[in-house]
């Protein structure tokens, strides 16, 4: 169980570092701080206290919504922005 919590921490650090790099590029401090706050809050409520739990169907529907939104964004920005939206 401890390794699962450690994996959750590592997976929360990755978006924080990505947002930090984005914030450094745009000279913005607020976005990385908000991301660290969101990551710490989600780790606390979902992994440590286990207060928020989503069912399998809910997670699958959310994933499909994200995929369809991304595909729609890719089709709208066909061309040079295509490479950016894929990444």
PDB file of N, CA and C in Angstrom:
ATOM      1  N   UNK A   1       0.815  -1.190   0.000  1.00  0.00           N
ATOM      2  CA  UNK A   1       0.000   0.000   0.000  1.00  0.00           C
ATOM      3  C   UNK A   1       0.859   1.255   0.000  1.00  0.00           C
ATOM      4  N   UNK A   2       1.988   1.188   0.640  1.00  0.00           N
ATOM      5  CA  UNK A   2       2.877   2.351   0.688  1.00  0.00           C
ATOM      6  C   UNK A   2       3.419   2.674  -0.701  1.00  0.00           C
ATOM      7  N   UNK A   3       3.689   1.650  -1.507  1.00  0.00           N
ATOM      8  CA  UNK A   3       4.222   1.907  -2.846  1.00  0.00           C
ATOM      9  C   UNK A   3       3.172   2.563  -3.744  1.00  0.00           C
ATOM     10  N   UNK A   4       1.899   2.256  -3.530  1.00  0.00           N
ATOM     11  CA  UNK A   4       0.837   2.889  -4.309  1.00  0.00           C
ATOM     12  C   UNK A   4       0.754   4.373  -3.962  1.00  0.00           C
ATOM     13  N   UNK A   5       0.892   4.703  -2.679  1.00  0.00           N
ATOM     14  CA  UNK A   5       0.873   6.105  -2.272  1.00  0.00           C
ATOM     15  C   UNK A   5       2.096   6.837  -2.821  1.00  0.00           C
ATOM     16  N   UNK A   6       3.266   6.177  -2.817  1.00  0.00           N
ATOM     17  CA  UNK A   6       4.465   6.790  -3.386  1.00  0.00           C
ATOM     18  C   UNK A   6       4.304   7.034  -4.886  1.00  0.00           C
ATOM     19  N   UNK A   7       3.671   6.096  -5.580  1.00  0.00           N
ATOM     20  CA  UNK A   7       3.412   6.272  -7.003  1.00  0.00           C
ATOM     21  C   UNK A   7       2.472   7.455  -7.242  1.00  0.00           C
ATOM     22  N   UNK A   8       1.481   7.613  -6.381  1.00  0.00           N
ATOM     23  CA  UNK A   8       0.572   8.757  -6.498  1.00  0.00           C
ATOM     24  C   UNK A   8       1.320  10.072  -6.309  1.00  0.00           C
ATOM     25  N   UNK A   9       2.263  10.087  -5.396  1.00  0.00           N
ATOM     26  CA  UNK A   9       3.057  11.301  -5.185  1.00  0.00           C
ATOM     27  C   UNK A   9       3.887  11.615  -6.423  1.00  0.00           C
ATOM     28  N   UNK A  10       4.517  10.600  -6.983  1.00  0.00           N
ATOM     29  CA  UNK A  10       5.343  10.808  -8.176  1.00  0.00           C
ATOM     30  C   UNK A  10       4.489  11.291  -9.341  1.00  0.00           C
ATOM     31  N   UNK A  11       3.299  10.709  -9.504  1.00  0.00           N
ATOM     32  CA  UNK A  11       2.416  11.124 -10.592  1.00  0.00           C
ATOM     33  C   UNK A  11       1.830  12.507 -10.354  1.00  0.00           C
ATOM     34  N   UNK A  12       1.840  12.996  -9.138  1.00  0.00           N
ATOM     35  CA  UNK A  12       1.403  14.364  -8.867  1.00  0.00           C
ATOM     36  C   UNK A  12       2.527  15.370  -9.062  1.00  0.00           C
ATOM     37  N   UNK A  13       3.756  14.914  -8.901  1.00  0.00           N
ATOM     38  CA  UNK A  13       4.900  15.815  -9.068  1.00  0.00           C
ATOM     39  C   UNK A  13       5.115  16.150 -10.546  1.00  0.00           C
ATOM     40  N   UNK A  14       4.813  15.225 -11.436  1.00  0.00           N
ATOM     41  CA  UNK A  14       5.048  15.437 -12.869  1.00  0.00           C
ATOM     42  C   UNK A  14       4.247  16.633 -13.410  1.00  0.00           C
ATOM     43  N   UNK A  15       2.930  16.743 -13.169  1.00  0.00           N
ATOM     44  CA  UNK A  15       2.226  17.949 -13.638  1.00  0.00           C
ATOM     45  C   UNK A  15       2.712  19.220 -12.944  1.00  0.00           C
ATOM     46  N   UNK A  16       3.125  19.093 -11.697  1.00  0.00           N
ATOM     47  CA  UNK A  16       3.647  20.279 -10.991  1.00  0.00           C
ATOM     48  C   UNK A  16       4.920  20.783 -11.655  1.00  0.00           C
ATOM     49  N   UNK A  17       5.800  19.877 -12.025  1.00  0.00           N
ATOM     50  CA  UNK A  17       7.036  20.281 -12.706  1.00  0.00           C
ATOM     51  C   UNK A  17       6.743  20.837 -14.096  1.00  0.00           C
ATOM     52  N   UNK A  18       5.793  20.227 -14.790  1.00  0.00           N
ATOM     53  CA  UNK A  18       5.420  20.732 -16.118  1.00  0.00           C
ATOM     54  C   UNK A  18       4.850  22.137 -16.028  1.00  0.00           C
ATOM     55  N   UNK A  19       4.011  22.363 -15.038  1.00  0.00           N
ATOM     56  CA  UNK A  19       3.438  23.688 -14.856  1.00  0.00           C
ATOM     57  C   UNK A  19       4.503  24.689 -14.425  1.00  0.00           C
ATOM     58  N   UNK A  20       5.471  24.228 -13.648  1.00  0.00           N
ATOM     59  CA  UNK A  20       6.569  25.109 -13.255  1.00  0.00           C
ATOM     60  C   UNK A  20       7.364  25.554 -14.480  1.00  0.00           C
ATOM     61  N   UNK A  21       7.649  24.614 -15.395  1.00  0.00           N
ATOM     62  CA  UNK A  21       8.376  24.990 -16.608  1.00  0.00           C
ATOM     63  C   UNK A  21       7.559  25.959 -17.465  1.00  0.00           C
ATOM     64  N   UNK A  22       6.245  25.724 -17.554  1.00  0.00           N
ATOM     65  CA  UNK A  22       5.382  26.635 -18.297  1.00  0.00           C
ATOM     66  C   UNK A  22       5.359  28.011 -17.635  1.00  0.00           C
ATOM     67  N   UNK A  23       5.284  28.030 -16.323  1.00  0.00           N
ATOM     68  CA  UNK A  23       5.280  29.294 -15.605  1.00  0.00           C
ATOM     69  C   UNK A  23       6.590  30.045 -15.732  1.00  0.00           C
ATOM     70  N   UNK A  24       7.709  29.316 -15.749  1.00  0.00           N
ATOM     71  CA  UNK A  24       9.003  29.965 -15.941  1.00  0.00           C
ATOM     72  C   UNK A  24       9.099  30.593 -17.327  1.00  0.00           C
ATOM     73  N   UNK A  25       8.533  29.931 -18.311  1.00  0.00           N
ATOM     74  CA  UNK A  25       8.570  30.461 -19.671  1.00  0.00           C
ATOM     75  C   UNK A  25       7.712  31.692 -19.849  1.00  0.00           C
ATOM     76  N   UNK A  26       6.643  31.783 -19.052  1.00  0.00           N
ATOM     77  CA  UNK A  26       5.732  32.918 -19.180  1.00  0.00           C
ATOM     78  C   UNK A  26       5.908  33.943 -18.064  1.00  0.00           C
ATOM     79  N   UNK A  27       6.920  33.777 -17.238  1.00  0.00           N
ATOM     80  CA  UNK A  27       7.161  34.654 -16.082  1.00  0.00           C
ATOM     81  C   UNK A  27       5.923  34.759 -15.192  1.00  0.00           C
ATOM     82  N   UNK A  28       5.329  33.612 -14.910  1.00  0.00           N
ATOM     83  CA  UNK A  28       4.119  33.556 -14.096  1.00  0.00           C
ATOM     84  C   UNK A  28       4.371  32.655 -12.891  1.00  0.00           C
ATOM     85  N   UNK A  29       4.044  33.135 -11.721  1.00  0.00           N
ATOM     86  CA  UNK A  29       4.252  32.361 -10.497  1.00  0.00           C
ATOM     87  C   UNK A  29       2.951  31.747 -10.014  1.00  0.00           C
ATOM     88  N   UNK A  30       1.832  32.344 -10.364  1.00  0.00           N
ATOM     89  CA  UNK A  30       0.540  31.917  -9.848  1.00  0.00           C
ATOM     90  C   UNK A  30       0.146  30.520 -10.336  1.00  0.00           C
ATOM     91  N   UNK A  31       0.351  30.233 -11.602  1.00  0.00           N
ATOM     92  CA  UNK A  31      -0.047  28.946 -12.164  1.00  0.00           C
ATOM     93  C   UNK A  31       0.670  27.763 -11.500  1.00  0.00           C
ATOM     94  N   UNK A  32       1.997  27.787 -11.332  1.00  0.00           N
ATOM     95  CA  UNK A  32       2.645  26.677 -10.627  1.00  0.00           C
ATOM     96  C   UNK A  32       2.195  26.541  -9.168  1.00  0.00           C
ATOM     97  N   UNK A  33       1.953  27.662  -8.500  1.00  0.00           N
ATOM     98  CA  UNK A  33       1.493  27.583  -7.112  1.00  0.00           C
ATOM     99  C   UNK A  33       0.096  26.972  -7.021  1.00  0.00           C
ATOM    100  N   UNK A  34      -0.772  27.323  -7.958  1.00  0.00           N
ATOM    101  CA  UNK A  34      -2.108  26.722  -7.982  1.00  0.00           C
ATOM    102  C   UNK A  34      -2.043  25.224  -8.272  1.00  0.00           C
ATOM    103  N   UNK A  35      -1.118  24.830  -9.133  1.00  0.00           N
ATOM    104  CA  UNK A  35      -0.978  23.412  -9.457  1.00  0.00           C
ATOM    105  C   UNK A  35      -0.469  22.617  -8.257  1.00  0.00           C
ATOM    106  N   UNK A  36       0.473  23.165  -7.526  1.00  0.00           N
ATOM    107  CA  UNK A  36       0.976  22.489  -6.329  1.00  0.00           C
ATOM    108  C   UNK A  36      -0.143  22.371  -5.293  1.00  0.00           C
ATOM    109  N   UNK A  37      -0.919  23.434  -5.127  1.00  0.00           N
ATOM    110  CA  UNK A  37      -2.053  23.393  -4.193  1.00  0.00           C
ATOM    111  C   UNK A  37      -3.072  22.333  -4.618  1.00  0.00           C
ATOM    112  N   UNK A  38      -3.395  22.281  -5.915  1.00  0.00           N
ATOM    113  CA  UNK A  38      -4.370  21.302  -6.409  1.00  0.00           C
ATOM    114  C   UNK A  38      -3.851  19.878  -6.249  1.00  0.00           C
ATOM    115  N   UNK A  39      -2.567  19.669  -6.518  1.00  0.00           N
ATOM    116  CA  UNK A  39      -2.001  18.324  -6.382  1.00  0.00           C
ATOM    117  C   UNK A  39      -1.991  17.877  -4.923  1.00  0.00           C
ATOM    118  N   UNK A  40      -1.591  18.765  -4.031  1.00  0.00           N
ATOM    119  CA  UNK A  40      -1.571  18.414  -2.604  1.00  0.00           C
ATOM    120  C   UNK A  40      -2.977  18.160  -2.078  1.00  0.00           C
ATOM    121  N   UNK A  41      -3.932  18.969  -2.506  1.00  0.00           N
ATOM    122  CA  UNK A  41      -5.314  18.785  -2.071  1.00  0.00           C
ATOM    123  C   UNK A  41      -5.878  17.470  -2.577  1.00  0.00           C
ATOM    124  N   UNK A  42      -5.627  17.153  -3.829  1.00  0.00           N
ATOM    125  CA  UNK A  42      -6.151  15.900  -4.375  1.00  0.00           C
ATOM    126  C   UNK A  42      -5.482  14.686  -3.735  1.00  0.00           C
ATOM    127  N   UNK A  43      -4.190  14.766  -3.471  1.00  0.00           N
ATOM    128  CA  UNK A  43      -3.520  13.659  -2.777  1.00  0.00           C
ATOM    129  C   UNK A  43      -4.085  13.454  -1.385  1.00  0.00           C
ATOM    130  N   UNK A  44      -4.341  14.552  -0.691  1.00  0.00           N
ATOM    131  CA  UNK A  44      -4.845  14.449   0.670  1.00  0.00           C
ATOM    132  C   UNK A  44      -6.243  13.833   0.699  1.00  0.00           C
ATOM    133  N   UNK A  45      -7.155  14.338  -0.139  1.00  0.00           N
ATOM    134  CA  UNK A  45      -8.540  13.888  -0.073  1.00  0.00           C
ATOM    135  C   UNK A  45      -8.785  12.543  -0.741  1.00  0.00           C
ATOM    136  N   UNK A  46      -8.019  12.206  -1.776  1.00  0.00           N
ATOM    137  CA  UNK A  46      -8.284  10.953  -2.479  1.00  0.00           C
ATOM    138  C   UNK A  46      -7.403   9.800  -2.017  1.00  0.00           C
ATOM    139  N   UNK A  47      -6.130  10.045  -1.791  1.00  0.00           N
ATOM    140  CA  UNK A  47      -5.228   8.941  -1.467  1.00  0.00           C
ATOM    141  C   UNK A  47      -4.975   8.774   0.027  1.00  0.00           C
ATOM    142  N   UNK A  48      -4.910   9.875   0.766  1.00  0.00           N
ATOM    143  CA  UNK A  48      -4.590   9.774   2.181  1.00  0.00           C
ATOM    144  C   UNK A  48      -5.846   9.544   3.028  1.00  0.00           C
ATOM    145  N   UNK A  49      -6.846  10.417   2.877  1.00  0.00           N
ATOM    146  CA  UNK A  49      -8.079  10.288   3.662  1.00  0.00           C
ATOM    147  C   UNK A  49      -9.120   9.391   3.002  1.00  0.00           C
ATOM    148  N   UNK A  50      -9.017   9.192   1.695  1.00  0.00           N
ATOM    149  CA  UNK A  50      -9.963   8.390   0.912  1.00  0.00           C
ATOM    150  C   UNK A  50     -11.409   8.893   1.048  1.00  0.00           C
ATOM    151  N   UNK A  51     -11.567  10.204   1.005  1.00  0.00           N
ATOM    152  CA  UNK A  51     -12.903  10.797   1.085  1.00  0.00           C
ATOM    153  C   UNK A  51     -13.582  10.868  -0.270  1.00  0.00           C
ATOM    154  N   UNK A  52     -12.819  11.006  -1.330  1.00  0.00           N
ATOM    155  CA  UNK A  52     -13.373  11.119  -2.680  1.00  0.00           C
ATOM    156  C   UNK A  52     -12.997   9.866  -3.453  1.00  0.00           C
ATOM    157  N   UNK A  53     -14.010   9.143  -3.877  1.00  0.00           N
ATOM    158  CA  UNK A  53     -13.772   7.934  -4.675  1.00  0.00           C
ATOM    159  C   UNK A  53     -14.752   7.925  -5.837  1.00  0.00           C
ATOM    160  N   UNK A  54     -14.242   7.694  -7.022  1.00  0.00           N
ATOM    161  CA  UNK A  54     -15.085   7.642  -8.210  1.00  0.00           C
ATOM    162  C   UNK A  54     -15.249   6.193  -8.637  1.00  0.00           C
ATOM    163  N   UNK A  55     -16.426   5.865  -9.133  1.00  0.00           N
ATOM    164  CA  UNK A  55     -16.677   4.519  -9.620  1.00  0.00           C
ATOM    165  C   UNK A  55     -16.051   4.295 -10.990  1.00  0.00           C
ATOM    166  N   UNK A  56     -16.029   3.057 -11.403  1.00  0.00           N
ATOM    167  CA  UNK A  56     -15.427   2.707 -12.685  1.00  0.00           C
ATOM    168  C   UNK A  56     -16.151   3.372 -13.854  1.00  0.00           C
ATOM    169  N   UNK A  57     -17.485   3.376 -13.821  1.00  0.00           N
ATOM    170  CA  UNK A  57     -18.253   3.965 -14.915  1.00  0.00           C
ATOM    171  C   UNK A  57     -18.011   5.467 -15.008  1.00  0.00           C
ATOM    172  N   UNK A  58     -17.932   6.112 -13.887  1.00  0.00           N
ATOM    173  CA  UNK A  58     -17.701   7.560 -13.876  1.00  0.00           C
ATOM    174  C   UNK A  58     -16.353   7.897 -14.486  1.00  0.00           C
ATOM    175  N   UNK A  59     -15.339   7.149 -14.100  1.00  0.00           N
ATOM    176  CA  UNK A  59     -13.993   7.389 -14.627  1.00  0.00           C
ATOM    177  C   UNK A  59     -13.949   7.124 -16.126  1.00  0.00           C
ATOM    178  N   UNK A  60     -14.600   6.055 -16.583  1.00  0.00           N
ATOM    179  CA  UNK A  60     -14.598   5.740 -18.008  1.00  0.00           C
ATOM    180  C   UNK A  60     -15.315   6.814 -18.823  1.00  0.00           C
ATOM    181  N   UNK A  61     -16.420   7.330 -18.316  1.00  0.00           N
ATOM    182  CA  UNK A  61     -17.143   8.389 -19.026  1.00  0.00           C
ATOM    183  C   UNK A  61     -16.294   9.663 -19.082  1.00  0.00           C
ATOM    184  N   UNK A  62     -15.623  10.003 -17.990  1.00  0.00           N
ATOM    185  CA  UNK A  62     -14.760  11.184 -17.983  1.00  0.00           C
ATOM    186  C   UNK A  62     -13.595  11.032 -18.957  1.00  0.00           C
ATOM    187  N   UNK A  63     -13.005   9.853 -19.018  1.00  0.00           N
ATOM    188  CA  UNK A  63     -11.902   9.619 -19.955  1.00  0.00           C
ATOM    189  C   UNK A  63     -12.387   9.752 -21.393  1.00  0.00           C
ATOM    190  N   UNK A  64     -13.555   9.191 -21.708  1.00  0.00           N
ATOM    191  CA  UNK A  64     -14.098   9.311 -23.067  1.00  0.00           C
ATOM    192  C   UNK A  64     -14.409  10.762 -23.414  1.00  0.00           C
ATOM    193  N   UNK A  65     -14.907  11.523 -22.458  1.00  0.00           N
ATOM    194  CA  UNK A  65     -15.183  12.936 -22.711  1.00  0.00           C
ATOM    195  C   UNK A  65     -13.891  13.693 -23.015  1.00  0.00           C
ATOM    196  N   UNK A  66     -12.834  13.390 -22.289  1.00  0.00           N
ATOM    197  CA  UNK A  66     -11.546  14.042 -22.532  1.00  0.00           C
ATOM    198  C   UNK A  66     -11.004  13.667 -23.910  1.00  0.00           C
ATOM    199  N   UNK A  67     -11.137  12.401 -24.283  1.00  0.00           N
ATOM    200  CA  UNK A  67     -10.652  11.955 -25.599  1.00  0.00           C
ATOM    201  C   UNK A  67     -11.427  12.647 -26.715  1.00  0.00           C
ATOM    202  N   UNK A  68     -12.755  12.708 -26.604  1.00  0.00           N
ATOM    203  CA  UNK A  68     -13.549  13.357 -27.649  1.00  0.00           C
ATOM    204  C   UNK A  68     -13.279  14.850 -27.719  1.00  0.00           C
ATOM    205  N   UNK A  69     -13.071  15.492 -26.579  1.00  0.00           N
ATOM    206  CA  UNK A  69     -12.737  16.909 -26.568  1.00  0.00           C
ATOM    207  C   UNK A  69     -11.393  17.145 -27.256  1.00  0.00           C
ATOM    208  N   UNK A  70     -10.425  16.265 -26.990  1.00  0.00           N
ATOM    209  CA  UNK A  70      -9.103  16.398 -27.600  1.00  0.00           C
ATOM    210  C   UNK A  70      -9.163  16.159 -29.103  1.00  0.00           C
ATOM    211  N   UNK A  71      -9.919  15.155 -29.530  1.00  0.00           N
ATOM    212  CA  UNK A  71     -10.051  14.885 -30.961  1.00  0.00           C
ATOM    213  C   UNK A  71     -10.728  16.069 -31.656  1.00  0.00           C
ATOM    214  N   UNK A  72     -11.763  16.647 -31.026  1.00  0.00           N
ATOM    215  CA  UNK A  72     -12.414  17.818 -31.601  1.00  0.00           C
ATOM    216  C   UNK A  72     -11.464  18.999 -31.709  1.00  0.00           C
ATOM    217  N   UNK A  73     -10.590  19.163 -30.709  1.00  0.00           N
ATOM    218  CA  UNK A  73      -9.605  20.244 -30.744  1.00  0.00           C
ATOM    219  C   UNK A  73      -8.594  20.015 -31.858  1.00  0.00           C
ATOM    220  N   UNK A  74      -8.183  18.775 -32.047  1.00  0.00           N
ATOM    221  CA  UNK A  74      -7.225  18.458 -33.116  1.00  0.00           C
ATOM    222  C   UNK A  74      -7.846  18.722 -34.483  1.00  0.00           C
ATOM    223  N   UNK A  75      -9.098  18.331 -34.683  1.00  0.00           N
ATOM    224  CA  UNK A  75      -9.745  18.530 -35.974  1.00  0.00           C
ATOM    225  C   UNK A  75     -10.004  20.005 -36.258  1.00  0.00           C
ATOM    226  N   UNK A  76     -10.236  20.816 -35.210  1.00  0.00           N
ATOM    227  CA  UNK A  76     -10.453  22.236 -35.390  1.00  0.00           C
ATOM    228  C   UNK A  76      -9.173  22.961 -35.782  1.00  0.00           C
ATOM    229  N   UNK A  77      -8.054  22.519 -35.274  1.00  0.00           N
ATOM    230  CA  UNK A  77      -6.776  23.201 -35.510  1.00  0.00           C
ATOM    231  C   UNK A  77      -5.875  22.363 -36.411  1.00  0.00           C
ATOM    232  N   UNK A  78      -6.397  21.960 -37.522  1.00  0.00           N
ATOM    233  CA  UNK A  78      -5.620  21.124 -38.444  1.00  0.00           C
ATOM    234  C   UNK A  78      -4.522  21.962 -39.050  1.00  0.00           C
ATOM    235  N   UNK A  79      -3.299  21.483 -39.047  1.00  0.00           N
ATOM    236  CA  UNK A  79      -2.185  22.218 -39.633  1.00  0.00           C
ATOM    237  C   UNK A  79      -1.042  22.345 -38.645  1.00  0.00           C
ATOM    238  N   UNK A  80      -0.547  23.568 -38.527  1.00  0.00           N
ATOM    239  CA  UNK A  80       0.606  23.791 -37.661  1.00  0.00           C
ATOM    240  C   UNK A  80       0.265  23.569 -36.190  1.00  0.00           C
ATOM    241  N   UNK A  81      -0.940  23.908 -35.775  1.00  0.00           N
ATOM    242  CA  UNK A  81      -1.348  23.713 -34.385  1.00  0.00           C
ATOM    243  C   UNK A  81      -1.621  22.245 -34.085  1.00  0.00           C
ATOM    244  N   UNK A  82      -1.672  21.395 -35.114  1.00  0.00           N
ATOM    245  CA  UNK A  82      -1.908  19.971 -34.909  1.00  0.00           C
ATOM    246  C   UNK A  82      -0.802  19.347 -34.075  1.00  0.00           C
ATOM    247  N   UNK A  83       0.428  19.694 -34.345  1.00  0.00           N
ATOM    248  CA  UNK A  83       1.551  19.133 -33.600  1.00  0.00           C
ATOM    249  C   UNK A  83       1.507  19.575 -32.146  1.00  0.00           C
ATOM    250  N   UNK A  84       1.073  20.782 -31.887  1.00  0.00           N
ATOM    251  CA  UNK A  84       0.987  21.275 -30.518  1.00  0.00           C
ATOM    252  C   UNK A  84      -0.140  20.571 -29.765  1.00  0.00           C
ATOM    253  N   UNK A  85      -1.290  20.371 -30.414  1.00  0.00           N
ATOM    254  CA  UNK A  85      -2.408  19.744 -29.728  1.00  0.00           C
ATOM    255  C   UNK A  85      -2.190  18.257 -29.494  1.00  0.00           C
ATOM    256  N   UNK A  86      -1.353  17.611 -30.297  1.00  0.00           N
ATOM    257  CA  UNK A  86      -1.037  16.193 -30.074  1.00  0.00           C
ATOM    258  C   UNK A  86      -0.160  16.045 -28.843  1.00  0.00           C
ATOM    259  N   UNK A  87       0.793  16.951 -28.710  1.00  0.00           N
ATOM    260  CA  UNK A  87       1.702  16.891 -27.570  1.00  0.00           C
ATOM    261  C   UNK A  87       0.937  17.256 -26.340  1.00  0.00           C
TER     262      UNK A  87
END
